[in-house]
C-alpha atoms as a PDB file:
ATOM      1  CA  MET A   1     141.836  93.403  56.405  1.00  0.00           C
ATOM      2  CA  SER A   2     144.917  95.590  55.987  1.00  0.00           C
ATOM      3  CA  ASP A   3     147.911  94.547  53.930  1.00  0.00           C
ATOM      4  CA  PHE A   4     149.938  94.368  57.133  1.00  0.00           C
ATOM      5  CA  LEU A   5     147.599  91.855  58.784  1.00  0.00           C
ATOM      6  CA  ILE A   6     147.472  89.799  55.596  1.00  0.00           C
ATOM      7  CA  HIS A   7     151.267  89.625  55.605  1.00  0.00           C
ATOM      8  CA  VAL A   8     151.404  88.633  59.278  1.00  0.00           C
ATOM      9  CA  CYS A   9     148.799  85.900  58.749  1.00  0.00           C
ATOM     10  CA  ILE A  10     150.714  84.542  55.748  1.00  0.00           C
ATOM     11  CA  MET A  11     153.948  84.369  57.728  1.00  0.00           C
ATOM     12  CA  ALA A  12     152.181  82.875  60.748  1.00  0.00           C
ATOM     13  CA  SER A  13     150.628  80.176  58.547  1.00  0.00           C
ATOM     14  CA  LEU A  14     153.980  79.263  56.985  1.00  0.00           C
ATOM     15  CA  TYR A  15     155.724  79.197  60.361  1.00  0.00           C
ATOM     16  CA  SER A  16     152.887  77.032  61.688  1.00  0.00           C
ATOM     17  CA  VAL A  17     153.567  74.508  58.926  1.00  0.00           C
ATOM     18  CA  VAL A  18     157.269  74.391  59.829  1.00  0.00           C
ATOM     19  CA  ALA A  19     156.473  74.224  63.557  1.00  0.00           C
ATOM     20  CA  LEU A  20     154.128  71.279  62.941  1.00  0.00           C
ATOM     21  CA  SER A  21     156.919  69.504  61.093  1.00  0.00           C
ATOM     22  CA  LEU A  22     159.255  70.091  64.052  1.00  0.00           C
ATOM     23  CA  ASN A  23     156.564  68.900  66.458  1.00  0.00           C
ATOM     24  CA  LEU A  24     156.489  65.540  64.670  1.00  0.00           C
ATOM     25  CA  GLN A  25     160.127  65.154  65.651  1.00  0.00           C
ATOM     26  CA  VAL A  26     160.303  66.826  69.058  1.00  0.00           C
ATOM     27  CA  GLY A  27     156.820  66.529  70.511  1.00  0.00           C
ATOM     28  CA  ILE A  28     155.764  63.169  69.092  1.00  0.00           C
ATOM     29  CA  THR A  29     158.991  61.204  68.548  1.00  0.00           C
ATOM     30  CA  GLY A  30     161.319  62.897  71.041  1.00  0.00           C
ATOM     31  CA  LEU A  31     164.007  63.846  68.518  1.00  0.00           C
ATOM     32  CA  VAL A  32     166.021  66.917  69.521  1.00  0.00           C
ATOM     33  CA  ASN A  33     166.622  68.567  66.155  1.00  0.00           C
ATOM     34  CA  PHE A  34     168.339  71.964  66.238  1.00  0.00           C
ATOM     35  CA  GLY A  35     168.754  72.090  62.464  1.00  0.00           C
ATOM     36  CA  GLN A  36     165.123  72.353  61.400  1.00  0.00           C
ATOM     37  CA  ILE A  37     165.615  75.626  59.580  1.00  0.00           C
ATOM     38  CA  ILE A  38     167.845  73.981  56.959  1.00  0.00           C
ATOM     39  CA  LEU A  39     164.981  71.628  56.006  1.00  0.00           C
ATOM     40  CA  PHE A  40     162.818  74.687  55.448  1.00  0.00           C
ATOM     41  CA  GLY A  41     165.711  76.311  53.603  1.00  0.00           C
ATOM     42  CA  ALA A  42     165.989  73.297  51.300  1.00  0.00           C
ATOM     43  CA  GLY A  43     162.521  74.087  49.997  1.00  0.00           C
ATOM     44  CA  ALA A  44     163.319  77.773  49.636  1.00  0.00           C
ATOM     45  CA  TYR A  45     166.537  77.100  47.728  1.00  0.00           C
ATOM     46  CA  GLY A  46     164.799  74.423  45.664  1.00  0.00           C
ATOM     47  CA  ALA A  47     162.358  77.090  44.527  1.00  0.00           C
ATOM     48  CA  ALA A  48     165.189  79.534  43.836  1.00  0.00           C
ATOM     49  CA  LEU A  49     167.219  77.030  41.813  1.00  0.00           C
ATOM     50  CA  ALA A  50     164.157  75.973  39.820  1.00  0.00           C
ATOM     51  CA  PHE A  51     163.480  79.636  39.085  1.00  0.00           C
ATOM     52  CA  SER A  52     167.097  80.220  38.030  1.00  0.00           C
ATOM     53  CA  GLY A  53     166.844  77.213  35.708  1.00  0.00           C
ATOM     54  CA  HIS A  54     163.589  78.524  34.194  1.00  0.00           C
ATOM     55  CA  MET A  55     161.620  75.556  35.511  1.00  0.00           C
ATOM     56  CA  GLY A  56     158.101  75.584  36.880  1.00  0.00           C
ATOM     57  CA  LEU A  57     156.576  75.446  40.342  1.00  0.00           C
ATOM     58  CA  TRP A  58     156.316  71.654  40.345  1.00  0.00           C
ATOM     59  CA  ALA A  59     160.039  71.431  39.673  1.00  0.00           C
ATOM     60  CA  ALA A  60     160.566  73.755  42.644  1.00  0.00           C
ATOM     61  CA  PHE A  61     158.592  71.433  44.912  1.00  0.00           C
ATOM     62  CA  ALA A  62     160.454  68.393  43.580  1.00  0.00           C
ATOM     63  CA  ALA A  63     163.862  70.008  44.074  1.00  0.00           C
ATOM     64  CA  GLY A  64     163.001  71.285  47.535  1.00  0.00           C
ATOM     65  CA  ILE A  65     161.632  67.943  48.723  1.00  0.00           C
ATOM     66  CA  ALA A  66     164.629  66.076  47.275  1.00  0.00           C
ATOM     67  CA  MET A  67     167.098  68.402  49.019  1.00  0.00           C
ATOM     68  CA  ALA A  68     165.211  68.263  52.315  1.00  0.00           C
ATOM     69  CA  SER A  69     165.039  64.466  52.158  1.00  0.00           C
ATOM     70  CA  ALA A  70     168.794  64.268  51.584  1.00  0.00           C
ATOM     71  CA  VAL A  71     169.500  66.455  54.635  1.00  0.00           C
ATOM     72  CA  ALA A  72     166.960  64.504  56.706  1.00  0.00           C
ATOM     73  CA  LEU A  73     168.668  61.230  55.773  1.00  0.00           C
ATOM     74  CA  LEU A  74     171.985  62.745  56.842  1.00  0.00           C
ATOM     75  CA  PHE A  75     170.426  63.730  60.184  1.00  0.00           C
ATOM     76  CA  ALA A  76     169.091  60.198  60.573  1.00  0.00           C
ATOM     77  CA  ARG A  77     172.477  58.686  59.789  1.00  0.00           C
ATOM     78  CA  LEU A  78     174.095  60.793  62.497  1.00  0.00           C
ATOM     79  CA  GLY A  79     171.418  59.625  64.919  1.00  0.00           C
ATOM     80  CA  ARG A  80     172.581  56.036  64.612  1.00  0.00           C
ATOM     81  CA  ASP A  81     175.882  56.781  66.310  1.00  0.00           C
ATOM     82  CA  LEU A  82     175.037  59.683  68.634  1.00  0.00           C
ATOM     83  CA  GLY A  83     172.850  60.010  71.714  1.00  0.00           C
ATOM     84  CA  GLY A  84     169.976  62.475  71.930  1.00  0.00           C
ATOM     85  CA  ASP A  85     171.802  65.569  73.209  1.00  0.00           C
ATOM     86  CA  TYR A  86     174.881  65.007  71.062  1.00  0.00           C
ATOM     87  CA  TRP A  87     172.677  64.355  68.050  1.00  0.00           C
ATOM     88  CA  GLY A  88     170.909  67.682  68.603  1.00  0.00           C
ATOM     89  CA  ILE A  89     174.247  69.491  68.604  1.00  0.00           C
ATOM     90  CA  ALA A  90     175.265  67.603  65.458  1.00  0.00           C
ATOM     91  CA  THR A  91     172.085  68.700  63.634  1.00  0.00           C
ATOM     92  CA  LEU A  92     172.863  72.307  64.549  1.00  0.00           C
ATOM     93  CA  ALA A  93     176.397  71.892  63.179  1.00  0.00           C
ATOM     94  CA  VAL A  94     175.141  70.302  59.942  1.00  0.00           C
ATOM     95  CA  ALA A  95     172.592  73.086  59.441  1.00  0.00           C
ATOM     96  CA  GLU A  96     175.263  75.741  59.926  1.00  0.00           C
ATOM     97  CA  ALA A  97     177.653  73.898  57.593  1.00  0.00           C
ATOM     98  CA  CYS A  98     174.948  73.755  54.909  1.00  0.00           C
ATOM     99  CA  ARG A  99     174.273  77.471  55.331  1.00  0.00           C
ATOM    100  CA  ILE A 100     177.970  78.262  54.889  1.00  0.00           C
ATOM    101  CA  LEU A 101     178.149  76.067  51.779  1.00  0.00           C
ATOM    102  CA  LEU A 102     175.141  77.859  50.304  1.00  0.00           C
ATOM    103  CA  ARG A 103     176.881  81.154  50.965  1.00  0.00           C
ATOM    104  CA  GLU A 104     180.131  80.050  49.319  1.00  0.00           C
ATOM    105  CA  PHE A 105     178.735  78.603  46.058  1.00  0.00           C
ATOM    106  CA  ASP A 106     178.232  81.952  44.359  1.00  0.00           C
ATOM    107  CA  GLY A 107     177.755  80.566  40.873  1.00  0.00           C
ATOM    108  CA  VAL A 108     174.848  78.315  41.864  1.00  0.00           C
ATOM    109  CA  THR A 109     173.198  79.772  44.964  1.00  0.00           C
ATOM    110  CA  GLY A 110     174.045  83.437  44.548  1.00  0.00           C
ATOM    111  CA  GLY A 111     176.398  83.347  47.534  1.00  0.00           C
ATOM    112  CA  ALA A 112     175.826  85.839  50.336  1.00  0.00           C
ATOM    113  CA  GLN A 113     173.601  87.915  48.029  1.00  0.00           C
ATOM    114  CA  GLY A 114     171.207  85.018  47.502  1.00  0.00           C
ATOM    115  CA  ILE A 115     168.761  84.728  44.607  1.00  0.00           C
ATOM    116  CA  SER A 116     166.184  87.440  44.129  1.00  0.00           C
ATOM    117  CA  GLY A 117     163.373  88.209  41.726  1.00  0.00           C
ATOM    118  CA  LEU A 118     161.423  84.965  42.150  1.00  0.00           C
ATOM    119  CA  MET A 119     158.024  85.152  40.518  1.00  0.00           C
ATOM    120  CA  PRO A 120     155.108  85.425  42.964  1.00  0.00           C
ATOM    121  CA  LEU A 121     152.628  82.577  43.063  1.00  0.00           C
ATOM    122  CA  PHE A 122     149.864  84.767  41.651  1.00  0.00           C
ATOM    123  CA  GLY A 123     151.762  87.177  39.438  1.00  0.00           C
ATOM    124  CA  THR A 124     148.820  87.746  37.088  1.00  0.00           C
ATOM    125  CA  LEU A 125     146.722  89.330  39.860  1.00  0.00           C
ATOM    126  CA  ASP A 126     147.110  92.817  41.263  1.00  0.00           C
ATOM    127  CA  ARG A 127     149.022  93.260  44.518  1.00  0.00           C
ATOM    128  CA  ARG A 128     146.063  93.094  46.909  1.00  0.00           C
ATOM    129  CA  GLU A 129     144.384  90.171  45.157  1.00  0.00           C
ATOM    130  CA  ALA A 130     147.703  88.295  44.978  1.00  0.00           C
ATOM    131  CA  ALA A 131     148.226  88.781  48.711  1.00  0.00           C
ATOM    132  CA  LEU A 132     144.746  87.473  49.500  1.00  0.00           C
ATOM    133  CA  ALA A 133     145.214  84.504  47.158  1.00  0.00           C
ATOM    134  CA  THR A 134     148.551  83.728  48.838  1.00  0.00           C
ATOM    135  CA  LEU A 135     146.904  83.921  52.261  1.00  0.00           C
ATOM    136  CA  VAL A 136     144.178  81.479  51.201  1.00  0.00           C
ATOM    137  CA  THR A 137     146.840  79.140  49.771  1.00  0.00           C
ATOM    138  CA  CYS A 138     148.872  79.251  52.992  1.00  0.00           C
ATOM    139  CA  LEU A 139     145.799  78.648  55.151  1.00  0.00           C
ATOM    140  CA  LEU A 140     144.790  75.700  52.965  1.00  0.00           C
ATOM    141  CA  LEU A 141     148.311  74.290  53.217  1.00  0.00           C
ATOM    142  CA  LEU A 142     148.211  74.709  56.993  1.00  0.00           C
ATOM    143  CA  ALA A 143     144.820  72.970  57.162  1.00  0.00           C
ATOM    144  CA  VAL A 144     146.068  70.017  55.100  1.00  0.00           C
ATOM    145  CA  VAL A 145     149.298  69.682  57.109  1.00  0.00           C
ATOM    146  CA  PHE A 146     147.390  69.964  60.392  1.00  0.00           C
ATOM    147  CA  TRP A 147     144.933  67.273  59.271  1.00  0.00           C
ATOM    148  CA  LEU A 148     147.770  64.972  58.200  1.00  0.00           C
ATOM    149  CA  CYS A 149     149.611  65.478  61.497  1.00  0.00           C
ATOM    150  CA  GLN A 150     146.441  64.789  63.451  1.00  0.00           C
ATOM    151  CA  ARG A 151     145.747  61.621  61.491  1.00  0.00           C
ATOM    152  CA  LEU A 152     149.324  60.500  61.926  1.00  0.00           C
ATOM    153  CA  THR A 153     149.610  61.147  65.651  1.00  0.00           C
ATOM    154  CA  ARG A 154     146.255  59.494  66.395  1.00  0.00           C
ATOM    155  CA  SER A 155     147.050  56.366  64.416  1.00  0.00           C
ATOM    156  CA  HIS A 156     148.823  53.191  65.521  1.00  0.00           C
ATOM    157  CA  TYR A 157     151.906  54.569  63.808  1.00  0.00           C
ATOM    158  CA  GLY A 158     151.693  57.667  65.979  1.00  0.00           C
ATOM    159  CA  LEU A 159     151.372  55.459  69.042  1.00  0.00           C
ATOM    160  CA  ALA A 160     154.570  53.677  68.020  1.00  0.00           C
ATOM    161  CA  LEU A 161     156.324  57.051  67.746  1.00  0.00           C
ATOM    162  CA  LYS A 162     155.183  58.016  71.237  1.00  0.00           C
ATOM    163  CA  ILE A 163     156.377  54.688  72.632  1.00  0.00           C
ATOM    164  CA  LEU A 164     159.720  55.354  70.965  1.00  0.00           C
ATOM    165  CA  ARG A 165     159.777  58.784  72.612  1.00  0.00           C
ATOM    166  CA  GLU A 166     159.042  57.446  76.097  1.00  0.00           C
ATOM    167  CA  GLU A 167     160.624  53.976  76.085  1.00  0.00           C
ATOM    168  CA  PRO A 168     162.909  53.186  73.114  1.00  0.00           C
ATOM    169  CA  LEU A 169     163.707  49.722  74.452  1.00  0.00           C
ATOM    170  CA  LEU A 170     160.016  48.917  74.772  1.00  0.00           C
ATOM    171  CA  ALA A 171     159.437  50.037  71.181  1.00  0.00           C
ATOM    172  CA  ALA A 172     162.242  47.732  70.015  1.00  0.00           C
ATOM    173  CA  SER A 173     160.859  44.837  72.061  1.00  0.00           C
ATOM    174  CA  LEU A 174     157.472  45.315  70.371  1.00  0.00           C
ATOM    175  CA  GLY A 175     159.074  44.822  66.966  1.00  0.00           C
ATOM    176  CA  TYR A 176     159.524  48.453  65.924  1.00  0.00           C
ATOM    177  CA  SER A 177     162.827  49.560  64.474  1.00  0.00           C
ATOM    178  CA  PRO A 178     163.897  52.810  66.223  1.00  0.00           C
ATOM    179  CA  ILE A 179     166.256  53.685  63.366  1.00  0.00           C
ATOM    180  CA  ALA A 180     163.562  53.165  60.723  1.00  0.00           C
ATOM    181  CA  LEU A 181     160.968  55.149  62.675  1.00  0.00           C
ATOM    182  CA  ARG A 182     163.318  58.074  63.246  1.00  0.00           C
ATOM    183  CA  THR A 183     164.369  58.099  59.603  1.00  0.00           C
ATOM    184  CA  GLN A 184     160.769  58.055  58.397  1.00  0.00           C
ATOM    185  CA  VAL A 185     159.756  60.897  60.724  1.00  0.00           C
ATOM    186  CA  LEU A 186     162.738  63.021  59.714  1.00  0.00           C
ATOM    187  CA  VAL A 187     162.018  62.585  56.005  1.00  0.00           C
ATOM    188  CA  MET A 188     158.282  63.253  56.431  1.00  0.00           C
ATOM    189  CA  SER A 189     158.834  66.370  58.515  1.00  0.00           C
ATOM    190  CA  GLY A 190     161.574  67.512  56.135  1.00  0.00           C
ATOM    191  CA  CYS A 191     159.206  67.281  53.174  1.00  0.00           C
ATOM    192  CA  ILE A 192     156.537  69.275  55.046  1.00  0.00           C
ATOM    193  CA  ALA A 193     159.054  71.979  55.965  1.00  0.00           C
ATOM    194  CA  ALA A 194     160.347  72.071  52.373  1.00  0.00           C
ATOM    195  CA  ILE A 195     156.863  72.655  50.959  1.00  0.00           C
ATOM    196  CA  GLY A 196     156.500  75.610  53.312  1.00  0.00           C
ATOM    197  CA  GLY A 197     159.909  76.843  52.175  1.00  0.00           C
ATOM    198  CA  VAL A 198     158.913  76.789  48.497  1.00  0.00           C
ATOM    199  CA  ILE A 199     155.847  78.921  49.113  1.00  0.00           C
ATOM    200  CA  PHE A 200     157.829  81.256  51.383  1.00  0.00           C
ATOM    201  CA  ALA A 201     160.469  81.786  48.689  1.00  0.00           C
ATOM    202  CA  HIS A 202     157.896  82.726  46.065  1.00  0.00           C
ATOM    203  CA  TYR A 203     156.079  84.965  48.534  1.00  0.00           C
ATOM    204  CA  VAL A 204     159.109  87.062  49.567  1.00  0.00           C
ATOM    205  CA  SER A 205     160.712  86.720  46.074  1.00  0.00           C
ATOM    206  CA  PHE A 206     164.133  86.229  47.636  1.00  0.00           C
ATOM    207  CA  VAL A 207     166.249  83.433  49.112  1.00  0.00           C
ATOM    208  CA  GLY A 208     169.507  83.979  50.963  1.00  0.00           C
ATOM    209  CA  PRO A 209     171.686  82.302  53.602  1.00  0.00           C
ATOM    210  CA  ASP A 210     170.836  84.947  56.200  1.00  0.00           C
ATOM    211  CA  GLN A 211     167.308  83.526  56.294  1.00  0.00           C
ATOM    212  CA  LEU A 212     168.692  80.226  57.620  1.00  0.00           C
ATOM    213  CA  VAL A 213     170.526  81.318  60.763  1.00  0.00           C
ATOM    214  CA  ALA A 214     170.270  79.215  63.927  1.00  0.00           C
ATOM    215  CA  ALA A 215     168.091  81.854  65.587  1.00  0.00           C
ATOM    216  CA  GLU A 216     165.290  80.894  63.187  1.00  0.00           C
ATOM    217  CA  THR A 217     165.408  77.299  64.402  1.00  0.00           C
ATOM    218  CA  PHE A 218     165.104  78.455  68.002  1.00  0.00           C
ATOM    219  CA  LEU A 219     162.162  80.662  67.027  1.00  0.00           C
ATOM    220  CA  ILE A 220     160.423  77.564  65.671  1.00  0.00           C
ATOM    221  CA  TRP A 221     161.370  75.716  68.859  1.00  0.00           C
ATOM    222  CA  ALA A 222     159.838  78.537  70.893  1.00  0.00           C
ATOM    223  CA  MET A 223     156.588  78.185  68.934  1.00  0.00           C
ATOM    224  CA  VAL A 224     156.465  74.470  69.756  1.00  0.00           C
ATOM    225  CA  VAL A 225     157.356  74.903  73.430  1.00  0.00           C
ATOM    226  CA  VAL A 226     155.050  77.864  74.036  1.00  0.00           C
ATOM    227  CA  GLY A 227     152.119  76.262  72.247  1.00  0.00           C
ATOM    228  CA  GLY A 228     152.595  72.798  73.727  1.00  0.00           C
ATOM    229  CA  ALA A 229     154.960  70.134  72.409  1.00  0.00           C
ATOM    230  CA  GLY A 230     153.067  67.048  71.303  1.00  0.00           C
ATOM    231  CA  ASN A 231     149.839  68.974  70.674  1.00  0.00           C
ATOM    232  CA  ASN A 232     149.343  70.015  67.061  1.00  0.00           C
ATOM    233  CA  LEU A 233     146.710  72.637  67.880  1.00  0.00           C
ATOM    234  CA  GLY A 234     148.955  74.088  70.577  1.00  0.00           C
ATOM    235  CA  VAL A 235     151.838  74.363  68.129  1.00  0.00           C
ATOM    236  CA  VAL A 236     149.690  76.343  65.677  1.00  0.00           C
ATOM    237  CA  VAL A 237     148.531  78.628  68.504  1.00  0.00           C
ATOM    238  CA  GLY A 238     152.135  79.150  69.594  1.00  0.00           C
ATOM    239  CA  ALA A 239     153.224  79.957  66.036  1.00  0.00           C
ATOM    240  CA  PHE A 240     150.488  82.532  65.513  1.00  0.00           C
ATOM    241  CA  LEU A 241     151.029  84.059  68.958  1.00  0.00           C
ATOM    242  CA  LEU A 242     154.765  84.547  68.537  1.00  0.00           C
ATOM    243  CA  GLN A 243     154.467  85.730  64.949  1.00  0.00           C
ATOM    244  CA  PHE A 244     151.926  88.380  65.926  1.00  0.00           C
ATOM    245  CA  LEU A 245     154.067  89.438  68.888  1.00  0.00           C
ATOM    246  CA  PHE A 246     157.040  89.770  66.527  1.00  0.00           C
ATOM    247  CA  ALA A 247     154.978  91.791  64.078  1.00  0.00           C
ATOM    248  CA  PHE A 248     153.944  94.301  66.717  1.00  0.00           C
ATOM    249  CA  VAL A 249     157.414  94.781  68.216  1.00  0.00           C
ATOM    250  CA  PRO A 250     158.029  97.909  66.049  1.00  0.00           C
ATOM    251  CA  PHE A 251     154.835  99.435  67.435  1.00  0.00           C
ATOM    252  CA  ALA A 252     155.996  98.698  70.985  1.00  0.00           C
ATOM    253  CA  LYS A 253     159.342 100.262  70.116  1.00  0.00           C
ATOM    254  CA  ASP A 254     157.628 103.455  68.985  1.00  0.00           C
ATOM    255  CA  PHE A 255     155.394 103.474  72.063  1.00  0.00           C
ATOM    256  CA  LEU A 256     158.402 103.160  74.376  1.00  0.00           C
ATOM    257  CA  GLY A 257     160.372 105.715  72.399  1.00  0.00           C
ATOM    258  CA  LEU A 258     163.230 103.345  71.572  1.00  0.00           C
ATOM    259  CA  SER A 259     165.447 103.500  68.508  1.00  0.00           C
ATOM    260  CA  SER A 260     165.181 100.999  65.652  1.00  0.00           C
ATOM    261  CA  ASP A 261     168.357  99.295  66.898  1.00  0.00           C
ATOM    262  CA  TYR A 262     166.303  97.730  69.684  1.00  0.00           C
ATOM    263  CA  VAL A 263     163.853  95.889  67.407  1.00  0.00           C
ATOM    264  CA  ALA A 264     166.070  92.829  66.866  1.00  0.00           C
ATOM    265  CA  ALA A 265     166.983  92.760  70.566  1.00  0.00           C
ATOM    266  CA  LEU A 266     163.316  92.875  71.582  1.00  0.00           C
ATOM    267  CA  ARG A 267     162.495  89.992  69.261  1.00  0.00           C
ATOM    268  CA  LEU A 268     165.364  87.882  70.613  1.00  0.00           C
ATOM    269  CA  THR A 269     164.198  88.705  74.131  1.00  0.00           C
ATOM    270  CA  LEU A 270     160.713  87.476  73.254  1.00  0.00           C
ATOM    271  CA  VAL A 271     162.087  84.179  71.937  1.00  0.00           C
ATOM    272  CA  GLY A 272     164.566  83.599  74.769  1.00  0.00           C
ATOM    273  CA  GLY A 273     162.260  84.908  77.471  1.00  0.00           C
ATOM    274  CA  GLY A 274     159.334  82.899  76.167  1.00  0.00           C
ATOM    275  CA  LEU A 275     161.366  79.698  76.060  1.00  0.00           C
ATOM    276  CA  LEU A 276     162.730  80.159  79.580  1.00  0.00           C
ATOM    277  CA  THR A 277     159.375  81.175  81.030  1.00  0.00           C
ATOM    278  CA  PHE A 278     157.527  78.178  79.665  1.00  0.00           C
ATOM    279  CA  LEU A 279     160.344  75.699  80.329  1.00  0.00           C
ATOM    280  CA  LEU A 280     160.511  76.789  83.984  1.00  0.00           C
ATOM    281  CA  TRP A 281     156.888  77.497  84.863  1.00  0.00           C
ATOM    282  CA  ARG A 282     154.727  75.811  82.245  1.00  0.00           C
ATOM    283  CA  PRO A 283     156.779  73.200  80.384  1.00  0.00           C
ATOM    284  CA  GLN A 284     153.606  71.612  78.982  1.00  0.00           C
ATOM    285  CA  GLY A 285     152.844  74.824  77.023  1.00  0.00           C
ATOM    286  CA  LEU A 286     149.594  76.718  76.549  1.00  0.00           C
ATOM    287  CA  ILE A 287     147.721  73.660  75.283  1.00  0.00           C
ATOM    288  CA  PRO A 288     149.296  70.522  76.808  1.00  0.00           C
ATOM    289  CA  GLU A 289     149.510  67.237  74.977  1.00  0.00           C
ATOM    290  CA  ARG A 290     146.411  65.167  75.499  1.00  0.00           C
ATOM    291  CA  ILE A 291     147.243  61.790  76.976  1.00  0.00           C
ATOM    292  CA  GLY A 292     145.185  58.919  75.612  1.00  0.00           C
ATOM    293  CA  GLY A 293     142.331  59.443  73.147  1.00  0.00           C
ATOM    294  CA  ALA A 294     141.054  57.513  70.168  1.00  0.00           C
ATOM    295  CA  ILE A 295     143.384  55.539  67.957  1.00  0.00           C
ATOM    296  CA  HIS A 296     142.486  55.498  64.273  1.00  0.00           C
ATOM    297  CA  GLY A 297     143.734  53.464  61.388  1.00  0.00           C
ATOM    298  CA  LYS A 298     142.871  49.991  62.655  1.00  0.00           C
END
């Protein structure tokens, strides 16, 4: 396997983890979160700050999860007073505000230049072996997150989340607290995204505010929508599909004889075009959510 394919698979695995965390909110619970990228960024900056403070990897995970949980709790607090659409806009605004703050605190976060030089996860290995070890780590992380999401969505707790998504008043009448459920889902998904962010930061050895632009959130949304919101397997398929399409855009550019200036435009077209196509003609995605099925955790 070439170094290029290894890199694409690593990125696809990490994006799959983040997309699964978004699917818990959007596909399972019905929460319209347009600020998901900042939860991922919390993990990345947690890793960067731990590195700057000469702390270890476990400190990076702890810092990233703590930061992501704090942002998730802020999202949940906003959700108490705002309806679904307005709440989605508010999450986008909070994510952008956090990105601007990260850019302005030069002394702590490195400002617009970010923090570079993070140690790779497997720095004692040579470049090829380190890349393969990172790929195995990312695939294992994806497998664990996928298993957890499957167990969660097929449990009685997952059924409560789906009832909340479809009929909030019915969920309340059955004794579930909508506020508590939404808060729990946001914190859980935030922690999952943060773990992916920590590994991403150590893989690319750099963290900066330009990695947390709103377009990244909509890329993750596209992965969920294209794959099939509410279906964990579909979300992983959507993440890998879009990541591979993104990776081969430069080759398409060369084939069509376009300049390098068109690469970013082609990628945005893929995201926007993919979202519109599936929302209009196949809103259930490539692998639709399966209605019914076994309920575990009795």
